[in-house]
Amino acid sequence: MAQIAQLLIPFLLLSIFLSLPLGHVAEEAGSLSRHCLENPPTLNSSYGAGSVKEIGGLKAYVSGPYHSKRAVILVSDVYGYEAPHLRKIADKVARSGFYAVVPDFFFGDPYVANTSRTIPDWLKTHGTDKGFEDAKPVIAALKQKGIHAIGAAGFCWGGNVVTKLAKTNLIKAAVLLHPSWVTVDDIKAVKVPIAILAAELDNGTPAKQLEEFKSVLSQDKVKNFIKIYPKVKHGWTVRYNDTDTTAVKAANEAHKDLLSWLSKYVKKRY
């Protein structure tokens, strides 16, 4: 009997591990889009028109008018806040009058592709639940410096973090760009105007699921905008190939839609 019990222990532990709720490593790693880790960026700590400051205990790339009363937090994918395309988006947001903030939610430890460290291993210390908690002091610090209205946009991993923020009153509006691990139950809890910008070729957030999201948000009378961009795949808004004209065009279109949504609902009263 003792030998049987020893054999069963690993299976019991695996069952517990796999039953962890959304935000934990098993669930996250298990529902990644097949394109989630493609085309990793070449990180550049000095890229962009802005600078790096400490906000709420995190390093953050910031861009735009420091005395603005409106801010947008941009939450990265697993490759982190030094991705040039992400900082380029932050600069676009800044030129629209927002104080753009891209926190380093990974504390100098973004995921590195093509290494022996797997994404499940990396997610053990960088789950989206932790990202959500780490966002709170950033938001508090922004409000302390006089910012009255905050929006948030999240990419892939960051889309899940921003969904969690959208369930609270911490932000005025949210944009999810090809988000990962977002469920209908998550959407049912959303309180703020939300836009979901999705790729046609994304098994992580398929069209049928987006239809469910739309139905839930409309039923709950939450202002929403859901758009599927044709011929592009998961990650295209921030990890597009500069030589792929279709992806670049679609990415720029998504960036405009992001700005339009945030301008409408974050600038609304300020």
Protein backbone atom coordinates (compact mmCIF):
# COMPACT_ATOMS: atom_id res chain seq x y z
CA MET A 1 0.00 0.00 0.00
CA ALA A 2 2.86 2.36 0.87
CA GLN A 3 4.38 1.84 -2.57
CA ILE A 4 1.04 2.55 -4.26
CA ALA A 5 0.67 5.72 -2.21
CA GLN A 6 4.13 6.88 -3.27
CA LEU A 7 3.22 6.31 -6.90
CA LEU A 8 -0.01 8.27 -6.53
CA ILE A 9 1.54 11.34 -4.89
CA PRO A 10 3.02 12.80 -8.10
CA PHE A 11 -0.34 12.42 -9.86
CA LEU A 12 -2.17 14.11 -6.99
CA LEU A 13 0.30 17.00 -7.00
CA LEU A 14 -0.07 17.37 -10.76
CA SER A 15 -3.86 17.47 -10.40
CA ILE A 16 -3.62 20.24 -7.82
CA PHE A 17 -1.12 22.16 -9.98
CA LEU A 18 -3.35 21.97 -13.03
CA SER A 19 -6.39 23.09 -11.07
CA LEU A 20 -4.87 26.43 -10.07
CA PRO A 21 -7.14 29.39 -10.96
CA LEU A 22 -6.50 31.88 -13.77
CA GLY A 23 -3.43 33.98 -13.12
CA HIS A 24 -1.35 31.01 -11.97
CA VAL A 25 1.26 29.33 -14.06
CA ALA A 26 -0.59 26.15 -15.09
CA GLU A 27 -3.63 27.94 -16.47
CA GLU A 28 -1.59 30.64 -18.16
CA ALA A 29 0.91 28.36 -19.83
CA GLY A 30 -1.81 26.00 -20.91
CA SER A 31 -3.78 28.58 -22.89
CA LEU A 32 -1.08 30.46 -24.73
CA SER A 33 -1.75 31.33 -28.35
CA ARG A 34 0.47 29.35 -30.69
CA HIS A 35 1.86 32.70 -31.89
CA CYS A 36 2.38 34.11 -28.39
CA LEU A 37 6.18 33.93 -28.32
CA GLU A 38 6.92 34.55 -32.00
CA ASN A 39 9.13 37.35 -33.30
CA PRO A 40 10.65 38.40 -29.96
CA PRO A 41 11.87 42.00 -29.90
CA THR A 42 15.46 43.15 -29.59
CA LEU A 43 15.25 45.01 -26.29
CA ASN A 44 16.72 48.50 -26.12
CA SER A 45 16.87 50.28 -22.76
CA SER A 46 17.58 53.67 -24.36
CA TYR A 47 14.93 53.57 -27.10
CA GLY A 48 12.21 56.21 -27.28
CA ALA A 49 11.62 59.92 -26.83
CA GLY A 50 10.92 59.53 -23.10
CA SER A 51 12.97 58.45 -20.11
CA VAL A 52 13.01 55.87 -17.32
CA LYS A 53 11.79 56.88 -13.86
CA GLU A 54 10.70 55.06 -10.73
CA ILE A 55 6.95 55.11 -10.14
CA GLY A 56 5.26 53.21 -7.35
CA GLY A 57 8.38 51.14 -6.68
CA LEU A 58 8.79 50.04 -10.31
CA LYS A 59 11.03 51.34 -13.03
CA ALA A 60 8.92 52.73 -15.85
CA TYR A 61 9.44 54.20 -19.29
CA VAL A 62 7.54 57.48 -19.28
CA SER A 63 6.76 59.82 -22.16
CA GLY A 64 4.66 62.90 -22.59
CA PRO A 65 3.67 66.01 -20.63
CA TYR A 66 4.69 65.50 -16.99
CA HIS A 67 1.99 67.86 -15.72
CA SER A 68 -0.84 66.21 -17.65
CA LYS A 69 -3.87 65.30 -15.56
CA ARG A 70 -4.45 62.22 -17.74
CA ALA A 71 -2.27 59.12 -17.88
CA VAL A 72 -2.23 55.84 -19.74
CA ILE A 73 -0.50 52.77 -18.34
CA LEU A 74 0.74 50.39 -21.03
CA VAL A 75 1.23 46.82 -19.80
CA SER A 76 3.66 44.81 -21.89
CA ASP A 77 3.67 41.28 -23.18
CA VAL A 78 6.13 38.78 -21.67
CA TYR A 79 9.08 40.51 -23.35
CA GLY A 80 8.82 43.55 -21.14
CA TYR A 81 9.03 47.31 -21.14
CA GLU A 82 12.22 47.76 -23.17
CA ALA A 83 10.64 46.55 -26.43
CA PRO A 84 11.08 49.33 -29.03
CA HIS A 85 7.68 48.88 -30.66
CA LEU A 86 5.97 49.16 -27.28
CA ARG A 87 7.86 52.35 -26.45
CA LYS A 88 6.95 53.68 -29.89
CA ILE A 89 3.28 53.16 -28.99
CA ALA A 90 3.86 54.95 -25.68
CA ASP A 91 5.31 57.91 -27.58
CA LYS A 92 2.21 57.96 -29.81
CA VAL A 93 0.03 57.99 -26.70
CA ALA A 94 2.14 60.81 -25.27
CA ARG A 95 1.78 62.93 -28.41
CA SER A 96 -1.97 62.70 -27.89
CA GLY A 97 -1.62 64.58 -24.58
CA PHE A 98 -1.40 61.71 -22.12
CA TYR A 99 1.36 60.98 -19.65
CA ALA A 100 2.32 57.52 -20.95
CA VAL A 101 3.72 55.04 -18.44
CA VAL A 102 5.20 51.62 -19.27
CA PRO A 103 6.13 49.91 -15.98
CA ASP A 104 8.68 47.14 -15.70
CA PHE A 105 6.37 44.59 -14.15
CA PHE A 106 9.10 41.93 -14.45
CA PHE A 107 11.70 43.78 -12.36
CA GLY A 108 14.44 43.39 -14.96
CA ASP A 109 13.55 39.78 -15.73
CA PRO A 110 11.49 39.64 -18.96
CA TYR A 111 11.03 36.35 -20.71
CA VAL A 112 13.97 35.46 -22.97
CA ALA A 113 13.16 33.30 -25.97
CA ASN A 114 15.27 30.36 -27.13
CA THR A 115 16.74 29.59 -23.72
CA SER A 116 16.40 26.61 -21.41
CA ARG A 117 13.96 28.53 -19.22
CA THR A 118 10.44 27.62 -20.26
CA ILE A 119 7.46 29.94 -20.13
CA PRO A 120 5.83 27.86 -17.33
CA ASP A 121 8.99 28.30 -15.26
CA TRP A 122 9.07 32.04 -15.95
CA LEU A 123 5.38 32.44 -15.09
CA LYS A 124 5.94 30.97 -11.64
CA THR A 125 7.37 34.34 -10.59
CA HIS A 126 5.63 36.56 -13.17
CA GLY A 127 1.96 35.65 -13.09
CA THR A 128 -0.74 38.14 -14.00
CA ASP A 129 -2.13 38.17 -10.45
CA LYS A 130 1.20 39.62 -9.33
CA GLY A 131 1.15 42.07 -12.23
CA PHE A 132 -2.26 43.30 -11.09
CA GLU A 133 -1.05 43.81 -7.52
CA ASP A 134 2.09 45.59 -8.70
CA ALA A 135 -0.02 47.95 -10.80
CA LYS A 136 -1.84 49.30 -7.74
CA PRO A 137 1.08 51.28 -6.24
CA VAL A 138 1.88 52.64 -9.72
CA ILE A 139 -1.68 53.96 -10.02
CA ALA A 140 -1.54 55.34 -6.47
CA ALA A 141 1.71 57.17 -7.25
CA LEU A 142 0.24 58.70 -10.41
CA LYS A 143 -2.80 59.93 -8.52
CA GLN A 144 -0.57 61.32 -5.80
CA LYS A 145 1.25 63.45 -8.39
CA GLY A 146 -2.04 65.01 -9.44
CA ILE A 147 -3.28 62.77 -12.25
CA HIS A 148 -7.07 62.53 -12.10
CA ALA A 149 -7.90 60.12 -14.91
CA ILE A 150 -6.03 56.93 -15.81
CA GLY A 151 -6.57 54.52 -18.67
CA ALA A 152 -4.79 51.24 -19.29
CA ALA A 153 -3.87 49.20 -22.34
CA GLY A 154 -2.47 45.68 -22.19
CA PHE A 155 -0.78 43.48 -24.75
CA CYS A 156 -1.00 39.66 -24.55
CA TRP A 157 0.14 39.00 -20.93
CA GLY A 158 -0.68 42.61 -20.18
CA GLY A 159 -4.19 42.19 -21.55
CA ASN A 160 -4.99 39.90 -18.65
CA VAL A 161 -3.57 42.38 -16.14
CA VAL A 162 -5.63 45.20 -17.63
CA THR A 163 -8.75 43.02 -17.54
CA LYS A 164 -8.21 42.67 -13.80
CA LEU A 165 -7.85 46.45 -13.50
CA ALA A 166 -11.05 46.90 -15.50
CA LYS A 167 -12.94 45.00 -12.79
CA THR A 168 -12.10 47.81 -10.34
CA ASN A 169 -12.54 51.55 -10.12
CA LEU A 170 -8.79 52.14 -10.41
CA ILE A 171 -8.97 53.11 -14.09
CA LYS A 172 -11.43 54.98 -16.30
CA ALA A 173 -11.14 52.84 -19.43
CA ALA A 174 -9.32 49.79 -20.77
CA VAL A 175 -7.97 48.49 -24.05
CA LEU A 176 -7.02 44.84 -24.54
CA LEU A 177 -4.80 44.07 -27.51
CA HIS A 178 -4.74 40.35 -28.42
CA PRO A 179 -5.15 39.48 -24.73
CA SER A 180 -4.24 36.14 -23.17
CA TRP A 181 -6.23 34.06 -20.66
CA VAL A 182 -9.34 36.26 -20.57
CA THR A 183 -12.58 34.38 -19.86
CA VAL A 184 -16.28 35.19 -20.10
CA ASP A 185 -16.38 35.29 -16.30
CA ASP A 186 -13.67 37.94 -16.37
CA ILE A 187 -15.66 40.02 -18.83
CA LYS A 188 -18.80 39.71 -16.69
CA ALA A 189 -16.95 41.56 -13.92
CA VAL A 190 -15.72 44.47 -16.07
CA LYS A 191 -16.88 47.88 -14.78
CA VAL A 192 -15.31 50.40 -17.17
CA PRO A 193 -15.56 51.10 -20.92
CA ILE A 194 -13.46 48.47 -22.65
CA ALA A 195 -12.12 47.94 -26.16
CA ILE A 196 -10.83 44.57 -27.34
CA LEU A 197 -8.61 44.61 -30.40
CA ALA A 198 -8.12 41.07 -31.69
CA ALA A 199 -6.36 39.24 -34.51
CA GLU A 200 -8.20 37.09 -37.01
CA LEU A 201 -5.50 34.42 -36.69
CA ASP A 202 -5.49 33.98 -32.92
CA ASN A 203 -6.54 30.74 -31.29
CA GLY A 204 -6.11 32.38 -27.89
CA THR A 205 -9.09 34.71 -28.40
CA PRO A 206 -11.16 33.25 -31.25
CA ALA A 207 -14.08 35.02 -32.95
CA LYS A 208 -16.70 32.92 -31.14
CA GLN A 209 -15.32 33.95 -27.76
CA LEU A 210 -15.28 37.60 -28.83
CA GLU A 211 -18.96 37.31 -29.73
CA GLU A 212 -19.62 36.05 -26.20
CA PHE A 213 -17.66 38.98 -24.78
CA LYS A 214 -19.72 41.41 -26.85
CA SER A 215 -22.97 39.83 -25.71
CA VAL A 216 -22.01 39.95 -22.04
CA LEU A 217 -20.78 43.55 -22.15
CA SER A 218 -23.85 44.74 -24.03
CA GLN A 219 -26.18 42.90 -21.67
CA ASP A 220 -24.41 44.49 -18.69
CA LYS A 221 -24.56 47.88 -20.43
CA VAL A 222 -20.79 48.33 -20.35
CA LYS A 223 -19.58 50.55 -23.19
CA ASN A 224 -17.49 48.39 -25.49
CA PHE A 225 -15.75 48.19 -28.83
CA ILE A 226 -14.62 44.85 -30.24
CA LYS A 227 -12.75 44.64 -33.52
CA ILE A 228 -11.07 41.78 -35.37
CA TYR A 229 -8.22 42.78 -37.66
CA PRO A 230 -7.97 40.56 -40.74
CA LYS A 231 -4.92 38.60 -41.88
CA VAL A 232 -2.87 39.21 -38.72
CA LYS A 233 -2.01 36.98 -35.79
CA HIS A 234 -1.63 37.21 -32.03
CA GLY A 235 0.94 39.82 -30.98
CA TRP A 236 0.82 41.83 -34.19
CA THR A 237 0.28 45.26 -32.57
CA VAL A 238 3.55 45.20 -30.68
CA ARG A 239 5.65 42.49 -32.36
CA TYR A 240 4.96 43.09 -36.01
CA ASN A 241 7.71 42.63 -38.55
CA ASP A 242 8.66 46.02 -40.02
CA THR A 243 8.91 44.46 -43.48
CA ASP A 244 5.39 42.99 -43.34
CA THR A 245 3.25 45.78 -44.83
CA THR A 246 -0.04 44.08 -43.92
CA ALA A 247 0.95 43.71 -40.27
CA VAL A 248 2.38 47.24 -40.05
CA LYS A 249 -0.78 48.74 -41.55
CA ALA A 250 -2.99 46.74 -39.18
CA ALA A 251 -0.80 47.63 -36.19
CA ASN A 252 -1.01 51.35 -36.97
CA GLU A 253 -4.77 51.03 -37.36
CA ALA A 254 -4.99 49.35 -33.95
CA HIS A 255 -2.85 52.06 -32.37
CA LYS A 256 -5.25 54.69 -33.73
CA ASP A 257 -8.22 52.74 -32.38
CA LEU A 258 -6.48 52.47 -28.99
CA LEU A 259 -5.95 56.24 -28.88
CA SER A 260 -9.48 56.95 -30.03
CA TRP A 261 -10.98 54.82 -27.25
CA LEU A 262 -8.77 56.22 -24.51
CA SER A 263 -9.26 59.79 -25.70
CA LYS A 264 -13.00 59.32 -25.62
CA TYR A 265 -13.23 57.86 -22.13
CA VAL A 266 -10.16 59.07 -20.23
CA LYS A 267 -10.23 62.64 -21.55
CA LYS A 268 -13.99 62.78 -21.11
CA ARG A 269 -14.03 64.97 -18.01
CA TYR A 270 -10.53 66.35 -17.81
